[in-house]
Structures are given as C-alpha cells and as structure tokens.
Amino acid sequence: MIKSDAVSISVESFPKQLKQSFEEAHLINFPEEFKQVKNILVSGMGGSRFPSYILKELFKQELTLPYALNDDYNLPGFVGPETLVILSSYS
C-alpha cells in the first residue's frame, strides 16, 4: 500500500470511528470514586495528544473541572489523589 493510500483510508474512516467512539463512550460506567476528582490531566506525546486537544475544545462549555494537557515524560506537581490522570499512547 502506498503511504498516500493509507492516509486516504484513514481520513475516509474517520467519521465511522467518531460515531463508534461516541457510541462506546455512552456505555462507560465510571466508579463512584471518580466523583471525588478535582481536576483532569491528559498525558500524551506526538499524535497521541491530539484527541485531548479536540475534546478540550469540543467540550469547553461543559467542562466544570480544570482540564490540563501534558506532553512530557513527567507529571506536573499539581497531580495528586484527586486528579484523574489519563495516559494516551497510540504506538
């Protein structure tokens, strides 16, 4: 497969992937202790960080907790027991 073909296939499948991810997200049942979360940190590098940027922008009106992005190997100093840390890696 030629690289440009792979990109075309990826772009064409994006709407289906979005639909599937929204459907699956509605099936998630979060544990009760998640209600104690005071802030959210999404950590990812390279292409793995882009979904967190998209979510932050899409839901900026709905987000009621601080939502930070981290593209480093180390977590920031504010991370503690009441931080929901999401580690994102595509590779």
PDB file of N, CA and C in Angstrom:
ATOM      1  N   MET A   1       0.847  -1.182   0.000  1.00  0.00           N
ATOM      2  CA  MET A   1       0.000   0.000   0.000  1.00  0.00           C
ATOM      3  C   MET A   1       0.889   1.241   0.000  1.00  0.00           C
ATOM      4  N   ILE A   2       0.569   2.168  -0.820  1.00  0.00           N
ATOM      5  CA  ILE A   2       1.278   3.437  -0.890  1.00  0.00           C
ATOM      6  C   ILE A   2       0.842   4.299   0.287  1.00  0.00           C
ATOM      7  N   LYS A   3       1.782   5.063   0.832  1.00  0.00           N
ATOM      8  CA  LYS A   3       1.506   5.879   2.011  1.00  0.00           C
ATOM      9  C   LYS A   3       0.300   6.800   1.806  1.00  0.00           C
ATOM     10  N   SER A   4       0.172   7.404   0.634  1.00  0.00           N
ATOM     11  CA  SER A   4      -0.962   8.306   0.391  1.00  0.00           C
ATOM     12  C   SER A   4      -2.285   7.544   0.438  1.00  0.00           C
ATOM     13  N   ASP A   5      -2.267   6.259   0.032  1.00  0.00           N
ATOM     14  CA  ASP A   5      -3.477   5.431   0.126  1.00  0.00           C
ATOM     15  C   ASP A   5      -3.859   5.228   1.588  1.00  0.00           C
ATOM     16  N   ALA A   6      -2.860   5.000   2.424  1.00  0.00           N
ATOM     17  CA  ALA A   6      -3.120   4.796   3.849  1.00  0.00           C
ATOM     18  C   ALA A   6      -3.733   6.042   4.470  1.00  0.00           C
ATOM     19  N   VAL A   7      -3.244   7.196   4.080  1.00  0.00           N
ATOM     20  CA  VAL A   7      -3.791   8.451   4.594  1.00  0.00           C
ATOM     21  C   VAL A   7      -5.231   8.626   4.132  1.00  0.00           C
ATOM     22  N   SER A   8      -5.498   8.350   2.866  1.00  0.00           N
ATOM     23  CA  SER A   8      -6.865   8.461   2.338  1.00  0.00           C
ATOM     24  C   SER A   8      -7.820   7.533   3.071  1.00  0.00           C
ATOM     25  N   ILE A   9      -7.381   6.306   3.288  1.00  0.00           N
ATOM     26  CA  ILE A   9      -8.218   5.335   4.004  1.00  0.00           C
ATOM     27  C   ILE A   9      -8.479   5.820   5.427  1.00  0.00           C
ATOM     28  N   SER A  10      -7.451   6.351   6.064  1.00  0.00           N
ATOM     29  CA  SER A  10      -7.599   6.852   7.434  1.00  0.00           C
ATOM     30  C   SER A  10      -8.588   8.013   7.488  1.00  0.00           C
ATOM     31  N   VAL A  11      -8.481   8.937   6.561  1.00  0.00           N
ATOM     32  CA  VAL A  11      -9.383  10.099   6.518  1.00  0.00           C
ATOM     33  C   VAL A  11     -10.811   9.648   6.238  1.00  0.00           C
ATOM     34  N   GLU A  12     -10.980   8.726   5.302  1.00  0.00           N
ATOM     35  CA  GLU A  12     -12.312   8.241   4.951  1.00  0.00           C
ATOM     36  C   GLU A  12     -12.977   7.487   6.096  1.00  0.00           C
ATOM     37  N   SER A  13     -12.187   6.821   6.918  1.00  0.00           N
ATOM     38  CA  SER A  13     -12.765   6.042   8.020  1.00  0.00           C
ATOM     39  C   SER A  13     -13.021   6.885   9.267  1.00  0.00           C
ATOM     40  N   PHE A  14     -12.553   8.124   9.280  1.00  0.00           N
ATOM     41  CA  PHE A  14     -12.677   8.977  10.460  1.00  0.00           C
ATOM     42  C   PHE A  14     -14.119   9.169  10.936  1.00  0.00           C
ATOM     43  N   PRO A  15     -15.084   9.483  10.070  1.00  0.00           N
ATOM     44  CA  PRO A  15     -16.463   9.644  10.555  1.00  0.00           C
ATOM     45  C   PRO A  15     -17.010   8.381  11.240  1.00  0.00           C
ATOM     46  N   LYS A  16     -16.699   7.230  10.685  1.00  0.00           N
ATOM     47  CA  LYS A  16     -17.149   5.968  11.286  1.00  0.00           C
ATOM     48  C   LYS A  16     -16.487   5.761  12.661  1.00  0.00           C
ATOM     49  N   GLN A  17     -15.214   6.111  12.761  1.00  0.00           N
ATOM     50  CA  GLN A  17     -14.505   5.979  14.030  1.00  0.00           C
ATOM     51  C   GLN A  17     -15.096   6.924  15.078  1.00  0.00           C
ATOM     52  N   LEU A  18     -15.429   8.154  14.673  1.00  0.00           N
ATOM     53  CA  LEU A  18     -16.047   9.102  15.596  1.00  0.00           C
ATOM     54  C   LEU A  18     -17.383   8.583  16.107  1.00  0.00           C
ATOM     55  N   LYS A  19     -18.204   8.077  15.203  1.00  0.00           N
ATOM     56  CA  LYS A  19     -19.509   7.542  15.576  1.00  0.00           C
ATOM     57  C   LYS A  19     -19.354   6.390  16.560  1.00  0.00           C
ATOM     58  N   GLN A  20     -18.440   5.484  16.261  1.00  0.00           N
ATOM     59  CA  GLN A  20     -18.214   4.342  17.140  1.00  0.00           C
ATOM     60  C   GLN A  20     -17.715   4.790  18.513  1.00  0.00           C
ATOM     61  N   SER A  21     -16.807   5.759  18.551  1.00  0.00           N
ATOM     62  CA  SER A  21     -16.266   6.206  19.833  1.00  0.00           C
ATOM     63  C   SER A  21     -17.340   6.884  20.688  1.00  0.00           C
ATOM     64  N   PHE A  22     -18.226   7.666  20.066  1.00  0.00           N
ATOM     65  CA  PHE A  22     -19.307   8.296  20.829  1.00  0.00           C
ATOM     66  C   PHE A  22     -20.283   7.247  21.355  1.00  0.00           C
ATOM     67  N   GLU A  23     -20.591   6.253  20.543  1.00  0.00           N
ATOM     68  CA  GLU A  23     -21.493   5.186  20.994  1.00  0.00           C
ATOM     69  C   GLU A  23     -20.885   4.407  22.154  1.00  0.00           C
ATOM     70  N   GLU A  24     -19.614   4.071  22.049  1.00  0.00           N
ATOM     71  CA  GLU A  24     -18.955   3.315  23.113  1.00  0.00           C
ATOM     72  C   GLU A  24     -18.774   4.154  24.374  1.00  0.00           C
ATOM     73  N   ALA A  25     -18.557   5.453  24.219  1.00  0.00           N
ATOM     74  CA  ALA A  25     -18.384   6.320  25.381  1.00  0.00           C
ATOM     75  C   ALA A  25     -19.645   6.352  26.241  1.00  0.00           C
ATOM     76  N   HIS A  26     -20.802   6.249  25.617  1.00  0.00           N
ATOM     77  CA  HIS A  26     -22.057   6.252  26.368  1.00  0.00           C
ATOM     78  C   HIS A  26     -22.267   4.973  27.176  1.00  0.00           C
ATOM     79  N   LEU A  27     -21.482   3.953  26.910  1.00  0.00           N
ATOM     80  CA  LEU A  27     -21.605   2.683  27.620  1.00  0.00           C
ATOM     81  C   LEU A  27     -20.698   2.604  28.849  1.00  0.00           C
ATOM     82  N   ILE A  28     -19.837   3.596  29.021  1.00  0.00           N
ATOM     83  CA  ILE A  28     -18.891   3.571  30.139  1.00  0.00           C
ATOM     84  C   ILE A  28     -19.615   3.856  31.451  1.00  0.00           C
ATOM     85  N   ASN A  29     -19.358   3.029  32.438  1.00  0.00           N
ATOM     86  CA  ASN A  29     -19.856   3.241  33.800  1.00  0.00           C
ATOM     87  C   ASN A  29     -18.662   3.570  34.687  1.00  0.00           C
ATOM     88  N   PHE A  30     -18.586   4.810  35.119  1.00  0.00           N
ATOM     89  CA  PHE A  30     -17.469   5.241  35.937  1.00  0.00           C
ATOM     90  C   PHE A  30     -17.680   4.843  37.394  1.00  0.00           C
ATOM     91  N   PRO A  31     -16.607   4.456  38.079  1.00  0.00           N
ATOM     92  CA  PRO A  31     -16.704   4.132  39.505  1.00  0.00           C
ATOM     93  C   PRO A  31     -17.134   5.358  40.318  1.00  0.00           C
ATOM     94  N   GLU A  32     -17.779   5.121  41.444  1.00  0.00           N
ATOM     95  CA  GLU A  32     -18.257   6.207  42.319  1.00  0.00           C
ATOM     96  C   GLU A  32     -17.130   7.145  42.754  1.00  0.00           C
ATOM     97  N   GLU A  33     -15.934   6.586  43.001  1.00  0.00           N
ATOM     98  CA  GLU A  33     -14.827   7.427  43.483  1.00  0.00           C
ATOM     99  C   GLU A  33     -14.392   8.472  42.455  1.00  0.00           C
ATOM    100  N   PHE A  34     -14.792   8.311  41.201  1.00  0.00           N
ATOM    101  CA  PHE A  34     -14.473   9.323  40.201  1.00  0.00           C
ATOM    102  C   PHE A  34     -15.191  10.637  40.503  1.00  0.00           C
ATOM    103  N   LYS A  35     -16.241  10.601  41.320  1.00  0.00           N
ATOM    104  CA  LYS A  35     -16.950  11.826  41.694  1.00  0.00           C
ATOM    105  C   LYS A  35     -16.102  12.715  42.606  1.00  0.00           C
ATOM    106  N   GLN A  36     -15.009  12.161  43.147  1.00  0.00           N
ATOM    107  CA  GLN A  36     -14.111  12.916  44.026  1.00  0.00           C
ATOM    108  C   GLN A  36     -13.035  13.671  43.240  1.00  0.00           C
ATOM    109  N   VAL A  37     -12.988  13.468  41.935  1.00  0.00           N
ATOM    110  CA  VAL A  37     -11.966  14.090  41.089  1.00  0.00           C
ATOM    111  C   VAL A  37     -12.124  15.608  41.105  1.00  0.00           C
ATOM    112  N   LYS A  38     -10.996  16.299  41.281  1.00  0.00           N
ATOM    113  CA  LYS A  38     -10.992  17.764  41.319  1.00  0.00           C
ATOM    114  C   LYS A  38     -10.377  18.381  40.060  1.00  0.00           C
ATOM    115  N   ASN A  39      -9.593  17.592  39.323  1.00  0.00           N
ATOM    116  CA  ASN A  39      -9.009  18.071  38.073  1.00  0.00           C
ATOM    117  C   ASN A  39      -8.647  16.876  37.203  1.00  0.00           C
ATOM    118  N   ILE A  40      -8.427  17.154  35.923  1.00  0.00           N
ATOM    119  CA  ILE A  40      -8.138  16.111  34.942  1.00  0.00           C
ATOM    120  C   ILE A  40      -6.857  16.475  34.211  1.00  0.00           C
ATOM    121  N   LEU A  41      -6.002  15.476  34.059  1.00  0.00           N
ATOM    122  CA  LEU A  41      -4.771  15.650  33.300  1.00  0.00           C
ATOM    123  C   LEU A  41      -4.709  14.557  32.244  1.00  0.00           C
ATOM    124  N   VAL A  42      -4.549  14.963  30.996  1.00  0.00           N
ATOM    125  CA  VAL A  42      -4.372  14.002  29.913  1.00  0.00           C
ATOM    126  C   VAL A  42      -2.925  14.113  29.461  1.00  0.00           C
ATOM    127  N   SER A  43      -2.231  12.981  29.490  1.00  0.00           N
ATOM    128  CA  SER A  43      -0.814  12.969  29.153  1.00  0.00           C
ATOM    129  C   SER A  43      -0.592  12.142  27.895  1.00  0.00           C
ATOM    130  N   GLY A  44      -0.008  12.767  26.887  1.00  0.00           N
ATOM    131  CA  GLY A  44       0.301  12.086  25.635  1.00  0.00           C
ATOM    132  C   GLY A  44       1.271  12.916  24.835  1.00  0.00           C
ATOM    133  N   MET A  45       2.034  12.249  24.005  1.00  0.00           N
ATOM    134  CA  MET A  45       3.038  12.943  23.198  1.00  0.00           C
ATOM    135  C   MET A  45       2.778  12.667  21.724  1.00  0.00           C
ATOM    136  N   GLY A  46       3.265  13.540  20.872  1.00  0.00           N
ATOM    137  CA  GLY A  46       3.100  13.351  19.440  1.00  0.00           C
ATOM    138  C   GLY A  46       1.630  13.325  19.068  1.00  0.00           C
ATOM    139  N   GLY A  47       1.269  12.414  18.173  1.00  0.00           N
ATOM    140  CA  GLY A  47      -0.112  12.299  17.722  1.00  0.00           C
ATOM    141  C   GLY A  47      -1.061  11.843  18.810  1.00  0.00           C
ATOM    142  N   SER A  48      -0.539  11.226  19.866  1.00  0.00           N
ATOM    143  CA  SER A  48      -1.381  10.750  20.961  1.00  0.00           C
ATOM    144  C   SER A  48      -1.997  11.882  21.768  1.00  0.00           C
ATOM    145  N   ARG A  49      -1.476  13.073  21.631  1.00  0.00           N
ATOM    146  CA  ARG A  49      -2.029  14.198  22.407  1.00  0.00           C
ATOM    147  C   ARG A  49      -3.178  14.902  21.696  1.00  0.00           C
ATOM    148  N   PHE A  50      -3.325  14.684  20.394  1.00  0.00           N
ATOM    149  CA  PHE A  50      -4.338  15.423  19.640  1.00  0.00           C
ATOM    150  C   PHE A  50      -5.776  15.157  20.080  1.00  0.00           C
ATOM    151  N   PRO A  51      -6.160  13.923  20.387  1.00  0.00           N
ATOM    152  CA  PRO A  51      -7.549  13.726  20.850  1.00  0.00           C
ATOM    153  C   PRO A  51      -7.886  14.553  22.089  1.00  0.00           C
ATOM    154  N   SER A  52      -6.918  14.721  22.997  1.00  0.00           N
ATOM    155  CA  SER A  52      -7.190  15.511  24.203  1.00  0.00           C
ATOM    156  C   SER A  52      -7.408  16.987  23.857  1.00  0.00           C
ATOM    157  N   TYR A  53      -6.713  17.500  22.856  1.00  0.00           N
ATOM    158  CA  TYR A  53      -6.940  18.878  22.395  1.00  0.00           C
ATOM    159  C   TYR A  53      -8.340  19.011  21.779  1.00  0.00           C
ATOM    160  N   ILE A  54      -8.716  18.015  21.000  1.00  0.00           N
ATOM    161  CA  ILE A  54     -10.039  18.039  20.367  1.00  0.00           C
ATOM    162  C   ILE A  54     -11.135  18.004  21.428  1.00  0.00           C
ATOM    163  N   LEU A  55     -11.000  17.106  22.407  1.00  0.00           N
ATOM    164  CA  LEU A  55     -12.012  17.003  23.470  1.00  0.00           C
ATOM    165  C   LEU A  55     -12.100  18.297  24.280  1.00  0.00           C
ATOM    166  N   LYS A  56     -10.947  18.865  24.589  1.00  0.00           N
ATOM    167  CA  LYS A  56     -10.948  20.119  25.356  1.00  0.00           C
ATOM    168  C   LYS A  56     -11.697  21.217  24.609  1.00  0.00           C
ATOM    169  N   GLU A  57     -11.497  21.297  23.312  1.00  0.00           N
ATOM    170  CA  GLU A  57     -12.165  22.327  22.521  1.00  0.00           C
ATOM    171  C   GLU A  57     -13.652  22.023  22.326  1.00  0.00           C
ATOM    172  N   LEU A  58     -13.981  20.768  22.035  1.00  0.00           N
ATOM    173  CA  LEU A  58     -15.378  20.389  21.807  1.00  0.00           C
ATOM    174  C   LEU A  58     -16.252  20.591  23.043  1.00  0.00           C
ATOM    175  N   PHE A  59     -15.689  20.322  24.212  1.00  0.00           N
ATOM    176  CA  PHE A  59     -16.485  20.341  25.439  1.00  0.00           C
ATOM    177  C   PHE A  59     -16.106  21.472  26.393  1.00  0.00           C
ATOM    178  N   LYS A  60     -15.508  22.531  25.872  1.00  0.00           N
ATOM    179  CA  LYS A  60     -15.062  23.622  26.741  1.00  0.00           C
ATOM    180  C   LYS A  60     -16.209  24.274  27.514  1.00  0.00           C
ATOM    181  N   GLN A  61     -17.406  24.285  26.960  1.00  0.00           N
ATOM    182  CA  GLN A  61     -18.550  24.867  27.663  1.00  0.00           C
ATOM    183  C   GLN A  61     -19.078  23.934  28.747  1.00  0.00           C
ATOM    184  N   GLU A  62     -18.884  22.631  28.565  1.00  0.00           N
ATOM    185  CA  GLU A  62     -19.400  21.650  29.517  1.00  0.00           C
ATOM    186  C   GLU A  62     -18.416  21.294  30.623  1.00  0.00           C
ATOM    187  N   LEU A  63     -17.122  21.498  30.383  1.00  0.00           N
ATOM    188  CA  LEU A  63     -16.109  21.129  31.375  1.00  0.00           C
ATOM    189  C   LEU A  63     -16.258  22.005  32.620  1.00  0.00           C
ATOM    190  N   THR A  64     -16.413  21.363  33.753  1.00  0.00           N
ATOM    191  CA  THR A  64     -16.541  22.104  35.012  1.00  0.00           C
ATOM    192  C   THR A  64     -15.316  21.923  35.901  1.00  0.00           C
ATOM    193  N   LEU A  65     -14.405  21.067  35.504  1.00  0.00           N
ATOM    194  CA  LEU A  65     -13.161  20.843  36.243  1.00  0.00           C
ATOM    195  C   LEU A  65     -11.980  21.334  35.419  1.00  0.00           C
ATOM    196  N   PRO A  66     -10.903  21.726  36.090  1.00  0.00           N
ATOM    197  CA  PRO A  66      -9.699  22.059  35.328  1.00  0.00           C
ATOM    198  C   PRO A  66      -9.261  20.850  34.495  1.00  0.00           C
ATOM    199  N   TYR A  67      -8.931  21.085  33.248  1.00  0.00           N
ATOM    200  CA  TYR A  67      -8.560  20.038  32.287  1.00  0.00           C
ATOM    201  C   TYR A  67      -7.238  20.461  31.674  1.00  0.00           C
ATOM    202  N   ALA A  68      -6.171  19.760  32.040  1.00  0.00           N
ATOM    203  CA  ALA A  68      -4.840  20.138  31.577  1.00  0.00           C
ATOM    204  C   ALA A  68      -4.271  19.064  30.653  1.00  0.00           C
ATOM    205  N   LEU A  69      -3.387  19.511  29.785  1.00  0.00           N
ATOM    206  CA  LEU A  69      -2.717  18.612  28.852  1.00  0.00           C
ATOM    207  C   LEU A  69      -1.234  18.573  29.196  1.00  0.00           C
ATOM    208  N   ASN A  70      -0.649  17.393  29.094  1.00  0.00           N
ATOM    209  CA  ASN A  70       0.756  17.214  29.432  1.00  0.00           C
ATOM    210  C   ASN A  70       1.448  16.455  28.307  1.00  0.00           C
ATOM    211  N   ASP A  71       2.519  17.024  27.772  1.00  0.00           N
ATOM    212  CA  ASP A  71       3.272  16.330  26.732  1.00  0.00           C
ATOM    213  C   ASP A  71       4.722  16.143  27.169  1.00  0.00           C
ATOM    214  N   ASP A  72       4.858  15.627  28.386  1.00  0.00           N
ATOM    215  CA  ASP A  72       6.171  15.402  28.974  1.00  0.00           C
ATOM    216  C   ASP A  72       6.200  13.991  29.565  1.00  0.00           C
ATOM    217  N   TYR A  73       7.386  13.497  29.853  1.00  0.00           N
ATOM    218  CA  TYR A  73       7.519  12.177  30.482  1.00  0.00           C
ATOM    219  C   TYR A  73       7.164  12.214  31.965  1.00  0.00           C
ATOM    220  N   ASN A  74       7.177  13.393  32.556  1.00  0.00           N
ATOM    221  CA  ASN A  74       6.888  13.552  33.976  1.00  0.00           C
ATOM    222  C   ASN A  74       5.549  14.238  34.171  1.00  0.00           C
ATOM    223  N   LEU A  75       4.869  13.877  35.264  1.00  0.00           N
ATOM    224  CA  LEU A  75       3.603  14.527  35.586  1.00  0.00           C
ATOM    225  C   LEU A  75       3.871  15.844  36.299  1.00  0.00           C
ATOM    226  N   PRO A  76       3.005  16.833  36.112  1.00  0.00           N
ATOM    227  CA  PRO A  76       3.168  18.123  36.799  1.00  0.00           C
ATOM    228  C   PRO A  76       2.986  17.968  38.314  1.00  0.00           C
ATOM    229  N   GLY A  77       3.487  18.942  39.049  1.00  0.00           N
ATOM    230  CA  GLY A  77       3.447  18.902  40.504  1.00  0.00           C
ATOM    231  C   GLY A  77       2.055  18.922  41.109  1.00  0.00           C
ATOM    232  N   PHE A  78       1.055  19.439  40.411  1.00  0.00           N
ATOM    233  CA  PHE A  78      -0.289  19.522  40.989  1.00  0.00           C
ATOM    234  C   PHE A  78      -1.022  18.186  41.021  1.00  0.00           C
ATOM    235  N   VAL A  79      -0.503  17.170  40.338  1.00  0.00           N
ATOM    236  CA  VAL A  79      -1.168  15.865  40.291  1.00  0.00           C
ATOM    237  C   VAL A  79      -1.155  15.236  41.681  1.00  0.00           C
ATOM    238  N   GLY A  80      -2.339  14.812  42.128  1.00  0.00           N
ATOM    239  CA  GLY A  80      -2.472  14.189  43.439  1.00  0.00           C
ATOM    240  C   GLY A  80      -3.589  13.164  43.433  1.00  0.00           C
ATOM    241  N   PRO A  81      -4.013  12.741  44.614  1.00  0.00           N
ATOM    242  CA  PRO A  81      -5.040  11.704  44.716  1.00  0.00           C
ATOM    243  C   PRO A  81      -6.391  12.092  44.118  1.00  0.00           C
ATOM    244  N   GLU A  82      -6.655  13.378  43.976  1.00  0.00           N
ATOM    245  CA  GLU A  82      -7.937  13.821  43.427  1.00  0.00           C
ATOM    246  C   GLU A  82      -7.829  14.229  41.959  1.00  0.00           C
ATOM    247  N   THR A  83      -6.732  13.805  41.317  1.00  0.00           N
ATOM    248  CA  THR A  83      -6.523  14.081  39.888  1.00  0.00           C
ATOM    249  C   THR A  83      -6.827  12.826  39.092  1.00  0.00           C
ATOM    250  N   LEU A  84      -7.662  12.975  38.080  1.00  0.00           N
ATOM    251  CA  LEU A  84      -7.872  11.891  37.126  1.00  0.00           C
ATOM    252  C   LEU A  84      -6.794  12.043  36.065  1.00  0.00           C
ATOM    253  N   VAL A  85      -5.900  11.057  35.986  1.00  0.00           N
ATOM    254  CA  VAL A  85      -4.820  11.086  35.005  1.00  0.00           C
ATOM    255  C   VAL A  85      -5.166  10.084  33.904  1.00  0.00           C
ATOM    256  N   ILE A  86      -5.194  10.574  32.676  1.00  0.00           N
ATOM    257  CA  ILE A  86      -5.450   9.741  31.507  1.00  0.00           C
ATOM    258  C   ILE A  86      -4.163   9.703  30.697  1.00  0.00           C
ATOM    259  N   LEU A  87      -3.633   8.501  30.498  1.00  0.00           N
ATOM    260  CA  LEU A  87      -2.407   8.333  29.725  1.00  0.00           C
ATOM    261  C   LEU A  87      -2.801   7.865  28.328  1.00  0.00           C
ATOM    262  N   SER A  88      -2.376   8.600  27.327  1.00  0.00           N
ATOM    263  CA  SER A  88      -2.764   8.315  25.950  1.00  0.00           C
ATOM    264  C   SER A  88      -1.537   7.956  25.128  1.00  0.00           C
ATOM    265  N   SER A  89      -1.593   6.781  24.477  1.00  0.00           N
ATOM    266  CA  SER A  89      -0.494   6.375  23.613  1.00  0.00           C
ATOM    267  C   SER A  89      -1.059   5.624  22.423  1.00  0.00           C
ATOM    268  N   TYR A  90      -0.742   6.096  21.247  1.00  0.00           N
ATOM    269  CA  TYR A  90      -1.195   5.466  20.011  1.00  0.00           C
ATOM    270  C   TYR A  90      -0.260   4.328  19.592  1.00  0.00           C
ATOM    271  N   SER A  91       1.016   4.476  19.919  1.00  0.00           N
ATOM    272  CA  SER A  91       2.010   3.498  19.462  1.00  0.00           C
ATOM    273  C   SER A  91       2.101   2.271  20.347  1.00  0.00           C
TER     274      SER A  91
END
